[in-house]
Amino acid sequence: MASTGFTSFLWFLAIVAMIPIALWLLKRTPVGGNGNGAAAMRHVSTLALSSSQRVVTVEVGTGEGRRWLVLGVTQGSIATLHTMEPQSEAPQPGTPLPAFAQMLSRLRSGDRA
């Protein structure tokens, strides 16, 4: 009888020890939700406006359902500023952008290139 109680206690300890191991494994598999999130969302660019305010562009979705979201991020909230079709390529850091005056003159003249 005593060995049956000891065996039951060992099984109890084994099951209790397997719970954290199972949770750790579940966290690292697609079933745990970690697998789909990375493929469905991607960081495109960030522009810091101040120490606590940023404009962030993220790509969400896959295939034909892809969209770029332009988000305003502050310490207290995140707001969608604009939604647009994905561009062929995100601007690389350090790439010179046309000056505002040049862009404005092109728009006024009708040249949208």
PDB file of N, CA and C in Angstrom:
ATOM      1  N   MET A   1       0.805  -1.201   0.000  1.00  0.00           N
ATOM      2  CA  MET A   1       0.000   0.000   0.000  1.00  0.00           C
ATOM      3  C   MET A   1       0.846   1.262   0.000  1.00  0.00           C
ATOM      4  N   ALA A   2       1.948   1.235   0.734  1.00  0.00           N
ATOM      5  CA  ALA A   2       2.789   2.420   0.821  1.00  0.00           C
ATOM      6  C   ALA A   2       3.436   2.725  -0.521  1.00  0.00           C
ATOM      7  N   SER A   3       3.796   1.691  -1.285  1.00  0.00           N
ATOM      8  CA  SER A   3       4.427   1.932  -2.584  1.00  0.00           C
ATOM      9  C   SER A   3       3.427   2.511  -3.578  1.00  0.00           C
ATOM     10  N   THR A   4       2.154   2.179  -3.458  1.00  0.00           N
ATOM     11  CA  THR A   4       1.133   2.740  -4.338  1.00  0.00           C
ATOM     12  C   THR A   4       0.984   4.231  -4.082  1.00  0.00           C
ATOM     13  N   GLY A   5       1.024   4.644  -2.842  1.00  0.00           N
ATOM     14  CA  GLY A   5       0.942   6.063  -2.500  1.00  0.00           C
ATOM     15  C   GLY A   5       2.163   6.819  -2.992  1.00  0.00           C
ATOM     16  N   PHE A   6       3.335   6.197  -2.873  1.00  0.00           N
ATOM     17  CA  PHE A   6       4.570   6.823  -3.329  1.00  0.00           C
ATOM     18  C   PHE A   6       4.579   6.958  -4.845  1.00  0.00           C
ATOM     19  N   THR A   7       4.101   5.942  -5.557  1.00  0.00           N
ATOM     20  CA  THR A   7       4.024   5.977  -7.018  1.00  0.00           C
ATOM     21  C   THR A   7       3.060   7.074  -7.476  1.00  0.00           C
ATOM     22  N   SER A   8       1.936   7.190  -6.813  1.00  0.00           N
ATOM     23  CA  SER A   8       0.969   8.239  -7.148  1.00  0.00           C
ATOM     24  C   SER A   8       1.574   9.618  -6.931  1.00  0.00           C
ATOM     25  N   PHE A   9       2.335   9.771  -5.853  1.00  0.00           N
ATOM     26  CA  PHE A   9       2.982  11.042  -5.563  1.00  0.00           C
ATOM     27  C   PHE A   9       4.018  11.379  -6.632  1.00  0.00           C
ATOM     28  N   LEU A  10       4.772  10.387  -7.103  1.00  0.00           N
ATOM     29  CA  LEU A  10       5.749  10.616  -8.167  1.00  0.00           C
ATOM     30  C   LEU A  10       5.058  11.034  -9.465  1.00  0.00           C
ATOM     31  N   TRP A  11       3.941  10.407  -9.800  1.00  0.00           N
ATOM     32  CA  TRP A  11       3.190  10.794 -10.995  1.00  0.00           C
ATOM     33  C   TRP A  11       2.673  12.233 -10.863  1.00  0.00           C
ATOM     34  N   PHE A  12       2.205  12.579  -9.684  1.00  0.00           N
ATOM     35  CA  PHE A  12       1.720  13.937  -9.442  1.00  0.00           C
ATOM     36  C   PHE A  12       2.853  14.950  -9.664  1.00  0.00           C
ATOM     37  N   LEU A  13       4.028  14.674  -9.104  1.00  0.00           N
ATOM     38  CA  LEU A  13       5.172  15.566  -9.287  1.00  0.00           C
ATOM     39  C   LEU A  13       5.585  15.662 -10.757  1.00  0.00           C
ATOM     40  N   ALA A  14       5.535  14.549 -11.494  1.00  0.00           N
ATOM     41  CA  ALA A  14       5.901  14.555 -12.907  1.00  0.00           C
ATOM     42  C   ALA A  14       4.934  15.426 -13.717  1.00  0.00           C
ATOM     43  N   ILE A  15       3.660  15.327 -13.432  1.00  0.00           N
ATOM     44  CA  ILE A  15       2.659  16.129 -14.152  1.00  0.00           C
ATOM     45  C   ILE A  15       2.816  17.604 -13.827  1.00  0.00           C
ATOM     46  N   VAL A  16       3.035  17.921 -12.564  1.00  0.00           N
ATOM     47  CA  VAL A  16       3.227  19.314 -12.179  1.00  0.00           C
ATOM     48  C   VAL A  16       4.492  19.877 -12.828  1.00  0.00           C
ATOM     49  N   ALA A  17       5.534  19.077 -12.950  1.00  0.00           N
ATOM     50  CA  ALA A  17       6.773  19.530 -13.586  1.00  0.00           C
ATOM     51  C   ALA A  17       6.591  19.710 -15.097  1.00  0.00           C
ATOM     52  N   MET A  18       5.694  18.966 -15.726  1.00  0.00           N
ATOM     53  CA  MET A  18       5.494  19.067 -17.176  1.00  0.00           C
ATOM     54  C   MET A  18       4.652  20.276 -17.570  1.00  0.00           C
ATOM     55  N   ILE A  19       3.899  20.858 -16.668  1.00  0.00           N
ATOM     56  CA  ILE A  19       3.052  22.006 -17.006  1.00  0.00           C
ATOM     57  C   ILE A  19       3.889  23.186 -17.497  1.00  0.00           C
ATOM     58  N   PRO A  20       4.925  23.645 -16.783  1.00  0.00           N
ATOM     59  CA  PRO A  20       5.720  24.766 -17.331  1.00  0.00           C
ATOM     60  C   PRO A  20       6.435  24.413 -18.639  1.00  0.00           C
ATOM     61  N   ILE A  21       6.864  23.161 -18.776  1.00  0.00           N
ATOM     62  CA  ILE A  21       7.524  22.740 -20.012  1.00  0.00           C
ATOM     63  C   ILE A  21       6.540  22.804 -21.182  1.00  0.00           C
ATOM     64  N   ALA A  22       5.323  22.332 -20.968  1.00  0.00           N
ATOM     65  CA  ALA A  22       4.306  22.372 -22.026  1.00  0.00           C
ATOM     66  C   ALA A  22       3.961  23.806 -22.393  1.00  0.00           C
ATOM     67  N   LEU A  23       3.852  24.698 -21.415  1.00  0.00           N
ATOM     68  CA  LEU A  23       3.556  26.099 -21.704  1.00  0.00           C
ATOM     69  C   LEU A  23       4.697  26.761 -22.470  1.00  0.00           C
ATOM     70  N   TRP A  24       5.921  26.441 -22.112  1.00  0.00           N
ATOM     71  CA  TRP A  24       7.081  26.994 -22.805  1.00  0.00           C
ATOM     72  C   TRP A  24       7.092  26.538 -24.264  1.00  0.00           C
ATOM     73  N   LEU A  25       6.819  25.250 -24.510  1.00  0.00           N
ATOM     74  CA  LEU A  25       6.785  24.734 -25.882  1.00  0.00           C
ATOM     75  C   LEU A  25       5.637  25.339 -26.677  1.00  0.00           C
ATOM     76  N   LEU A  26       4.483  25.487 -26.048  1.00  0.00           N
ATOM     77  CA  LEU A  26       3.318  26.060 -26.720  1.00  0.00           C
ATOM     78  C   LEU A  26       3.571  27.495 -27.141  1.00  0.00           C
ATOM     79  N   LYS A  27       4.317  28.227 -26.341  1.00  0.00           N
ATOM     80  CA  LYS A  27       4.611  29.615 -26.638  1.00  0.00           C
ATOM     81  C   LYS A  27       5.476  29.749 -27.888  1.00  0.00           C
ATOM     82  N   ARG A  28       6.249  28.750 -28.218  1.00  0.00           N
ATOM     83  CA  ARG A  28       7.180  28.812 -29.343  1.00  0.00           C
ATOM     84  C   ARG A  28       6.699  28.091 -30.587  1.00  0.00           C
ATOM     85  N   THR A  29       5.464  27.691 -30.641  1.00  0.00           N
ATOM     86  CA  THR A  29       4.917  27.015 -31.815  1.00  0.00           C
ATOM     87  C   THR A  29       3.857  27.893 -32.468  1.00  0.00           C
ATOM     88  N   PRO A  30       3.510  27.650 -33.735  1.00  0.00           N
ATOM     89  CA  PRO A  30       2.452  28.423 -34.385  1.00  0.00           C
ATOM     90  C   PRO A  30       1.104  28.286 -33.696  1.00  0.00           C
ATOM     91  N   VAL A  31       0.865  27.178 -33.025  1.00  0.00           N
ATOM     92  CA  VAL A  31      -0.407  26.990 -32.320  1.00  0.00           C
ATOM     93  C   VAL A  31      -0.545  28.018 -31.213  1.00  0.00           C
ATOM     94  N   GLY A  32       0.559  28.400 -30.601  1.00  0.00           N
ATOM     95  CA  GLY A  32       0.541  29.364 -29.512  1.00  0.00           C
ATOM     96  C   GLY A  32       0.338  30.797 -29.963  1.00  0.00           C
ATOM     97  N   GLY A  33       0.257  31.044 -31.254  1.00  0.00           N
ATOM     98  CA  GLY A  33       0.004  32.382 -31.758  1.00  0.00           C
ATOM     99  C   GLY A  33       1.257  33.123 -32.169  1.00  0.00           C
ATOM    100  N   ASN A  34       2.426  32.609 -31.885  1.00  0.00           N
ATOM    101  CA  ASN A  34       3.660  33.298 -32.217  1.00  0.00           C
ATOM    102  C   ASN A  34       4.024  33.141 -33.692  1.00  0.00           C
ATOM    103  N   GLY A  35       3.510  32.142 -34.359  1.00  0.00           N
ATOM    104  CA  GLY A  35       3.869  31.891 -35.744  1.00  0.00           C
ATOM    105  C   GLY A  35       3.166  32.782 -36.739  1.00  0.00           C
ATOM    106  N   ASN A  36       1.879  33.100 -36.550  1.00  0.00           N
ATOM    107  CA  ASN A  36       1.129  33.877 -37.535  1.00  0.00           C
ATOM    108  C   ASN A  36       1.389  35.362 -37.445  1.00  0.00           C
ATOM    109  N   GLY A  37       1.652  35.880 -36.267  1.00  0.00           N
ATOM    110  CA  GLY A  37       1.804  37.311 -36.096  1.00  0.00           C
ATOM    111  C   GLY A  37       2.960  37.891 -36.880  1.00  0.00           C
ATOM    112  N   ALA A  38       4.060  37.201 -36.954  1.00  0.00           N
ATOM    113  CA  ALA A  38       5.235  37.720 -37.642  1.00  0.00           C
ATOM    114  C   ALA A  38       5.003  37.803 -39.145  1.00  0.00           C
ATOM    115  N   ALA A  39       4.277  36.866 -39.712  1.00  0.00           N
ATOM    116  CA  ALA A  39       4.048  36.855 -41.149  1.00  0.00           C
ATOM    117  C   ALA A  39       2.961  37.842 -41.546  1.00  0.00           C
ATOM    118  N   ALA A  40       2.030  38.148 -40.660  1.00  0.00           N
ATOM    119  CA  ALA A  40       0.898  38.979 -41.000  1.00  0.00           C
ATOM    120  C   ALA A  40       1.164  40.464 -40.764  1.00  0.00           C
ATOM    121  N   MET A  41       2.257  40.824 -40.091  1.00  0.00           N
ATOM    122  CA  MET A  41       2.533  42.224 -39.820  1.00  0.00           C
ATOM    123  C   MET A  41       4.040  42.471 -39.911  1.00  0.00           C
ATOM    124  N   ARG A  42       4.390  43.621 -40.537  1.00  0.00           N
ATOM    125  CA  ARG A  42       5.799  43.939 -40.729  1.00  0.00           C
ATOM    126  C   ARG A  42       5.988  45.440 -40.582  1.00  0.00           C
ATOM    127  N   HIS A  43       7.057  45.830 -39.902  1.00  0.00           N
ATOM    128  CA  HIS A  43       7.396  47.244 -39.731  1.00  0.00           C
ATOM    129  C   HIS A  43       8.010  47.762 -41.033  1.00  0.00           C
ATOM    130  N   VAL A  44       7.515  48.907 -41.528  1.00  0.00           N
ATOM    131  CA  VAL A  44       8.031  49.471 -42.767  1.00  0.00           C
ATOM    132  C   VAL A  44       8.946  50.660 -42.474  1.00  0.00           C
ATOM    133  N   SER A  45       8.453  51.639 -41.712  1.00  0.00           N
ATOM    134  CA  SER A  45       9.288  52.801 -41.406  1.00  0.00           C
ATOM    135  C   SER A  45       8.771  53.516 -40.163  1.00  0.00           C
ATOM    136  N   THR A  46       9.634  54.384 -39.607  1.00  0.00           N
ATOM    137  CA  THR A  46       9.290  55.176 -38.432  1.00  0.00           C
ATOM    138  C   THR A  46       9.853  56.575 -38.605  1.00  0.00           C
ATOM    139  N   LEU A  47       9.065  57.571 -38.182  1.00  0.00           N
ATOM    140  CA  LEU A  47       9.520  58.952 -38.182  1.00  0.00           C
ATOM    141  C   LEU A  47       9.252  59.524 -36.802  1.00  0.00           C
ATOM    142  N   ALA A  48      10.299  59.912 -36.086  1.00  0.00           N
ATOM    143  CA  ALA A  48      10.143  60.489 -34.750  1.00  0.00           C
ATOM    144  C   ALA A  48       9.804  61.967 -34.890  1.00  0.00           C
ATOM    145  N   LEU A  49       8.692  62.362 -34.297  1.00  0.00           N
ATOM    146  CA  LEU A  49       8.293  63.770 -34.308  1.00  0.00           C
ATOM    147  C   LEU A  49       8.786  64.494 -33.066  1.00  0.00           C
ATOM    148  N   SER A  50       8.774  63.799 -31.946  1.00  0.00           N
ATOM    149  CA  SER A  50       9.311  64.313 -30.688  1.00  0.00           C
ATOM    150  C   SER A  50       9.725  63.109 -29.864  1.00  0.00           C
ATOM    151  N   SER A  51      10.104  63.350 -28.624  1.00  0.00           N
ATOM    152  CA  SER A  51      10.541  62.226 -27.793  1.00  0.00           C
ATOM    153  C   SER A  51       9.412  61.263 -27.465  1.00  0.00           C
ATOM    154  N   SER A  52       8.169  61.716 -27.550  1.00  0.00           N
ATOM    155  CA  SER A  52       7.049  60.838 -27.206  1.00  0.00           C
ATOM    156  C   SER A  52       6.048  60.650 -28.345  1.00  0.00           C
ATOM    157  N   GLN A  53       6.337  61.185 -29.530  1.00  0.00           N
ATOM    158  CA  GLN A  53       5.417  61.064 -30.655  1.00  0.00           C
ATOM    159  C   GLN A  53       6.161  60.560 -31.885  1.00  0.00           C
ATOM    160  N   ARG A  54       5.529  59.583 -32.567  1.00  0.00           N
ATOM    161  CA  ARG A  54       6.121  59.009 -33.779  1.00  0.00           C
ATOM    162  C   ARG A  54       5.026  58.758 -34.804  1.00  0.00           C
ATOM    163  N   VAL A  55       5.436  58.726 -36.056  1.00  0.00           N
ATOM    164  CA  VAL A  55       4.574  58.250 -37.138  1.00  0.00           C
ATOM    165  C   VAL A  55       5.206  56.947 -37.602  1.00  0.00           C
ATOM    166  N   VAL A  56       4.434  55.869 -37.564  1.00  0.00           N
ATOM    167  CA  VAL A  56       4.933  54.538 -37.879  1.00  0.00           C
ATOM    168  C   VAL A  56       4.122  53.978 -39.037  1.00  0.00           C
ATOM    169  N   THR A  57       4.799  53.375 -39.994  1.00  0.00           N
ATOM    170  CA  THR A  57       4.122  52.698 -41.099  1.00  0.00           C
ATOM    171  C   THR A  57       4.343  51.201 -40.935  1.00  0.00           C
ATOM    172  N   VAL A  58       3.243  50.442 -40.918  1.00  0.00           N
ATOM    173  CA  VAL A  58       3.322  48.985 -40.804  1.00  0.00           C
ATOM    174  C   VAL A  58       2.545  48.363 -41.947  1.00  0.00           C
ATOM    175  N   GLU A  59       2.986  47.189 -42.362  1.00  0.00           N
ATOM    176  CA  GLU A  59       2.286  46.425 -43.396  1.00  0.00           C
ATOM    177  C   GLU A  59       1.532  45.307 -42.703  1.00  0.00           C
ATOM    178  N   VAL A  60       0.233  45.201 -42.978  1.00  0.00           N
ATOM    179  CA  VAL A  60      -0.582  44.151 -42.391  1.00  0.00           C
ATOM    180  C   VAL A  60      -1.197  43.314 -43.499  1.00  0.00           C
ATOM    181  N   GLY A  61      -1.454  42.066 -43.199  1.00  0.00           N
ATOM    182  CA  GLY A  61      -2.064  41.165 -44.159  1.00  0.00           C
ATOM    183  C   GLY A  61      -1.020  40.502 -45.040  1.00  0.00           C
ATOM    184  N   THR A  62      -1.514  39.584 -45.881  1.00  0.00           N
ATOM    185  CA  THR A  62      -0.649  38.872 -46.806  1.00  0.00           C
ATOM    186  C   THR A  62      -1.317  38.812 -48.166  1.00  0.00           C
ATOM    187  N   GLY A  63      -0.542  38.619 -49.204  1.00  0.00           N
ATOM    188  CA  GLY A  63      -1.077  38.460 -50.561  1.00  0.00           C
ATOM    189  C   GLY A  63      -1.790  39.703 -51.046  1.00  0.00           C
ATOM    190  N   GLU A  64      -2.967  39.499 -51.627  1.00  0.00           N
ATOM    191  CA  GLU A  64      -3.762  40.605 -52.173  1.00  0.00           C
ATOM    192  C   GLU A  64      -4.377  41.471 -51.078  1.00  0.00           C
ATOM    193  N   GLY A  65      -4.465  40.958 -49.868  1.00  0.00           N
ATOM    194  CA  GLY A  65      -5.068  41.704 -48.768  1.00  0.00           C
ATOM    195  C   GLY A  65      -4.093  42.583 -48.010  1.00  0.00           C
ATOM    196  N   ARG A  66      -2.871  42.764 -48.537  1.00  0.00           N
ATOM    197  CA  ARG A  66      -1.878  43.589 -47.847  1.00  0.00           C
ATOM    198  C   ARG A  66      -2.272  45.056 -47.867  1.00  0.00           C
ATOM    199  N   ARG A  67      -2.031  45.743 -46.755  1.00  0.00           N
ATOM    200  CA  ARG A  67      -2.268  47.180 -46.654  1.00  0.00           C
ATOM    201  C   ARG A  67      -1.160  47.785 -45.809  1.00  0.00           C
ATOM    202  N   TRP A  68      -0.853  49.038 -46.086  1.00  0.00           N
ATOM    203  CA  TRP A  68       0.045  49.796 -45.236  1.00  0.00           C
ATOM    204  C   TRP A  68      -0.804  50.709 -44.370  1.00  0.00           C
ATOM    205  N   LEU A  69      -0.545  50.701 -43.083  1.00  0.00           N
ATOM    206  CA  LEU A  69      -1.223  51.579 -42.142  1.00  0.00           C
ATOM    207  C   LEU A  69      -0.223  52.612 -41.649  1.00  0.00           C
ATOM    208  N   VAL A  70      -0.598  53.874 -41.736  1.00  0.00           N
ATOM    209  CA  VAL A  70       0.220  54.943 -41.186  1.00  0.00           C
ATOM    210  C   VAL A  70      -0.393  55.280 -39.832  1.00  0.00           C
ATOM    211  N   LEU A  71       0.379  55.069 -38.774  1.00  0.00           N
ATOM    212  CA  LEU A  71      -0.131  55.190 -37.411  1.00  0.00           C
ATOM    213  C   LEU A  71       0.544  56.346 -36.690  1.00  0.00           C
ATOM    214  N   GLY A  72      -0.234  57.091 -35.938  1.00  0.00           N
ATOM    215  CA  GLY A  72       0.297  58.093 -35.025  1.00  0.00           C
ATOM    216  C   GLY A  72       0.426  57.449 -33.661  1.00  0.00           C
ATOM    217  N   VAL A  73       1.637  57.432 -33.123  1.00  0.00           N
ATOM    218  CA  VAL A  73       1.889  56.738 -31.861  1.00  0.00           C
ATOM    219  C   VAL A  73       2.354  57.750 -30.825  1.00  0.00           C
ATOM    220  N   THR A  74       1.637  57.814 -29.701  1.00  0.00           N
ATOM    221  CA  THR A  74       2.037  58.632 -28.563  1.00  0.00           C
ATOM    222  C   THR A  74       2.139  57.719 -27.353  1.00  0.00           C
ATOM    223  N   GLN A  75       2.496  58.299 -26.204  1.00  0.00           N
ATOM    224  CA  GLN A  75       2.602  57.485 -24.996  1.00  0.00           C
ATOM    225  C   GLN A  75       1.262  56.900 -24.594  1.00  0.00           C
ATOM    226  N   GLY A  76       0.184  57.618 -24.862  1.00  0.00           N
ATOM    227  CA  GLY A  76      -1.122  57.168 -24.394  1.00  0.00           C
ATOM    228  C   GLY A  76      -2.016  56.531 -25.429  1.00  0.00           C
ATOM    229  N   SER A  77      -1.678  56.622 -26.728  1.00  0.00           N
ATOM    230  CA  SER A  77      -2.605  56.087 -27.728  1.00  0.00           C
ATOM    231  C   SER A  77      -1.905  55.791 -29.044  1.00  0.00           C
ATOM    232  N   ILE A  78      -2.631  55.049 -29.874  1.00  0.00           N
ATOM    233  CA  ILE A  78      -2.220  54.772 -31.247  1.00  0.00           C
ATOM    234  C   ILE A  78      -3.433  55.069 -32.118  1.00  0.00           C
ATOM    235  N   ALA A  79      -3.245  55.904 -33.138  1.00  0.00           N
ATOM    236  CA  ALA A  79      -4.353  56.269 -34.014  1.00  0.00           C
ATOM    237  C   ALA A  79      -3.960  56.013 -35.463  1.00  0.00           C
ATOM    238  N   THR A  80      -4.906  55.499 -36.260  1.00  0.00           N
ATOM    239  CA  THR A  80      -4.671  55.293 -37.682  1.00  0.00           C
ATOM    240  C   THR A  80      -4.819  56.629 -38.392  1.00  0.00           C
ATOM    241  N   LEU A  81      -3.756  57.086 -39.023  1.00  0.00           N
ATOM    242  CA  LEU A  81      -3.780  58.355 -39.744  1.00  0.00           C
ATOM    243  C   LEU A  81      -4.163  58.173 -41.202  1.00  0.00           C
ATOM    244  N   HIS A  82      -3.736  57.033 -41.794  1.00  0.00           N
ATOM    245  CA  HIS A  82      -3.990  56.810 -43.214  1.00  0.00           C
ATOM    246  C   HIS A  82      -3.840  55.321 -43.519  1.00  0.00           C
ATOM    247  N   THR A  83      -4.584  54.834 -44.497  1.00  0.00           N
ATOM    248  CA  THR A  83      -4.462  53.466 -44.994  1.00  0.00           C
ATOM    249  C   THR A  83      -4.189  53.556 -46.484  1.00  0.00           C
ATOM    250  N   MET A  84      -3.219  52.778 -46.976  1.00  0.00           N
ATOM    251  CA  MET A  84      -2.886  52.860 -48.397  1.00  0.00           C
ATOM    252  C   MET A  84      -2.413  51.516 -48.931  1.00  0.00           C
ATOM    253  N   GLU A  85      -2.368  51.428 -50.250  1.00  0.00           N
ATOM    254  CA  GLU A  85      -1.848  50.244 -50.915  1.00  0.00           C
ATOM    255  C   GLU A  85      -0.354  50.142 -50.646  1.00  0.00           C
ATOM    256  N   PRO A  86       0.176  48.934 -50.539  1.00  0.00           N
ATOM    257  CA  PRO A  86       1.624  48.800 -50.320  1.00  0.00           C
ATOM    258  C   PRO A  86       2.411  49.340 -51.501  1.00  0.00           C
ATOM    259  N   GLN A  87       3.491  50.010 -51.200  1.00  0.00           N
ATOM    260  CA  GLN A  87       4.378  50.520 -52.226  1.00  0.00           C
ATOM    261  C   GLN A  87       5.325  49.405 -52.642  1.00  0.00           C
ATOM    262  N   SER A  88       5.927  49.547 -53.813  1.00  0.00           N
ATOM    263  CA  SER A  88       6.836  48.508 -54.285  1.00  0.00           C
ATOM    264  C   SER A  88       8.038  48.381 -53.357  1.00  0.00           C
ATOM    265  N   GLU A  89       8.483  49.488 -52.797  1.00  0.00           N
ATOM    266  CA  GLU A  89       9.640  49.473 -51.926  1.00  0.00           C
ATOM    267  C   GLU A  89       9.519  50.582 -50.901  1.00  0.00           C
ATOM    268  N   ALA A  90       9.889  50.305 -49.684  1.00  0.00           N
ATOM    269  CA  ALA A  90       9.889  51.327 -48.646  1.00  0.00           C
ATOM    270  C   ALA A  90      11.099  52.232 -48.855  1.00  0.00           C
ATOM    271  N   PRO A  91      10.967  53.507 -48.545  1.00  0.00           N
ATOM    272  CA  PRO A  91      12.133  54.385 -48.684  1.00  0.00           C
ATOM    273  C   PRO A  91      13.230  53.955 -47.716  1.00  0.00           C
ATOM    274  N   GLN A  92      14.441  53.909 -48.216  1.00  0.00           N
ATOM    275  CA  GLN A  92      15.581  53.520 -47.390  1.00  0.00           C
ATOM    276  C   GLN A  92      16.056  54.717 -46.589  1.00  0.00           C
ATOM    277  N   PRO A  93      16.512  54.491 -45.360  1.00  0.00           N
ATOM    278  CA  PRO A  93      17.042  55.609 -44.584  1.00  0.00           C
ATOM    279  C   PRO A  93      18.227  56.240 -45.310  1.00  0.00           C
ATOM    280  N   GLY A  94      18.261  57.546 -45.304  1.00  0.00           N
ATOM    281  CA  GLY A  94      19.352  58.252 -45.962  1.00  0.00           C
ATOM    282  C   GLY A  94      19.081  58.582 -47.419  1.00  0.00           C
ATOM    283  N   THR A  95      17.966  58.082 -47.988  1.00  0.00           N
ATOM    284  CA  THR A  95      17.626  58.391 -49.372  1.00  0.00           C
ATOM    285  C   THR A  95      17.152  59.834 -49.438  1.00  0.00           C
ATOM    286  N   PRO A  96      17.760  60.662 -50.281  1.00  0.00           N
ATOM    287  CA  PRO A  96      17.335  62.059 -50.344  1.00  0.00           C
ATOM    288  C   PRO A  96      15.936  62.162 -50.948  1.00  0.00           C
ATOM    289  N   LEU A  97      15.081  62.928 -50.293  1.00  0.00           N
ATOM    290  CA  LEU A  97      13.733  63.171 -50.792  1.00  0.00           C
ATOM    291  C   LEU A  97      13.705  64.555 -51.425  1.00  0.00           C
ATOM    292  N   PRO A  98      12.864  64.769 -52.453  1.00  0.00           N
ATOM    293  CA  PRO A  98      12.796  66.090 -53.065  1.00  0.00           C
ATOM    294  C   PRO A  98      12.323  67.132 -52.056  1.00  0.00           C
ATOM    295  N   ALA A  99      12.842  68.324 -52.189  1.00  0.00           N
ATOM    296  CA  ALA A  99      12.458  69.404 -51.280  1.00  0.00           C
ATOM    297  C   ALA A  99      10.992  69.733 -51.476  1.00  0.00           C
ATOM    298  N   PHE A 100      10.388  70.280 -50.440  1.00  0.00           N
ATOM    299  CA  PHE A 100       8.971  70.610 -50.477  1.00  0.00           C
ATOM    300  C   PHE A 100       8.667  71.597 -51.607  1.00  0.00           C
ATOM    301  N   ALA A 101       9.517  72.566 -51.813  1.00  0.00           N
ATOM    302  CA  ALA A 101       9.277  73.558 -52.868  1.00  0.00           C
ATOM    303  C   ALA A 101       9.262  72.907 -54.245  1.00  0.00           C
ATOM    304  N   GLN A 102      10.172  71.934 -54.478  1.00  0.00           N
ATOM    305  CA  GLN A 102      10.195  71.242 -55.760  1.00  0.00           C
ATOM    306  C   GLN A 102       8.915  70.441 -55.957  1.00  0.00           C
ATOM    307  N   MET A 103       8.482  69.768 -54.917  1.00  0.00           N
ATOM    308  CA  MET A 103       7.254  68.984 -55.027  1.00  0.00           C
ATOM    309  C   MET A 103       6.053  69.890 -55.281  1.00  0.00           C
ATOM    310  N   LEU A 104       5.998  71.018 -54.592  1.00  0.00           N
ATOM    311  CA  LEU A 104       4.885  71.942 -54.771  1.00  0.00           C
ATOM    312  C   LEU A 104       4.868  72.519 -56.183  1.00  0.00           C
ATOM    313  N   SER A 105       6.035  72.862 -56.715  1.00  0.00           N
ATOM    314  CA  SER A 105       6.079  73.419 -58.078  1.00  0.00           C
ATOM    315  C   SER A 105       5.649  72.376 -59.103  1.00  0.00           C
ATOM    316  N   ARG A 106       6.014  71.116 -58.882  1.00  0.00           N
ATOM    317  CA  ARG A 106       5.580  70.037 -59.801  1.00  0.00           C
ATOM    318  C   ARG A 106       4.075  69.878 -59.758  1.00  0.00           C
ATOM    319  N   LEU A 107       3.508  69.917 -58.566  1.00  0.00           N
ATOM    320  CA  LEU A 107       2.052  69.777 -58.459  1.00  0.00           C
ATOM    321  C   LEU A 107       1.325  70.925 -59.117  1.00  0.00           C
ATOM    322  N   ARG A 108       1.855  72.131 -58.962  1.00  0.00           N
ATOM    323  CA  ARG A 108       1.215  73.302 -59.574  1.00  0.00           C
ATOM    324  C   ARG A 108       1.301  73.257 -61.090  1.00  0.00           C
ATOM    325  N   SER A 109       2.409  72.746 -61.618  1.00  0.00           N
ATOM    326  CA  SER A 109       2.570  72.694 -63.070  1.00  0.00           C
ATOM    327  C   SER A 109       1.842  71.522 -63.694  1.00  0.00           C
ATOM    328  N   GLY A 110       1.371  70.587 -62.868  1.00  0.00           N
ATOM    329  CA  GLY A 110       0.627  69.452 -63.390  1.00  0.00           C
ATOM    330  C   GLY A 110       1.473  68.209 -63.597  1.00  0.00           C
ATOM    331  N   ASP A 111       2.764  68.296 -63.380  1.00  0.00           N
ATOM    332  CA  ASP A 111       3.657  67.160 -63.514  1.00  0.00           C
ATOM    333  C   ASP A 111       3.627  66.354 -62.220  1.00  0.00           C
ATOM    334  N   ARG A 112       3.044  65.182 -62.229  1.00  0.00           N
ATOM    335  CA  ARG A 112       2.872  64.385 -61.001  1.00  0.00           C
ATOM    336  C   ARG A 112       3.957  63.341 -60.835  1.00  0.00           C
ATOM    337  N   ALA A 113       4.983  63.344 -61.622  1.00  0.00           N
ATOM    338  CA  ALA A 113       6.025  62.323 -61.562  1.00  0.00           C
ATOM    339  C   ALA A 113       6.914  62.473 -60.368  1.00  0.00           C
TER     340      ALA A 113
END
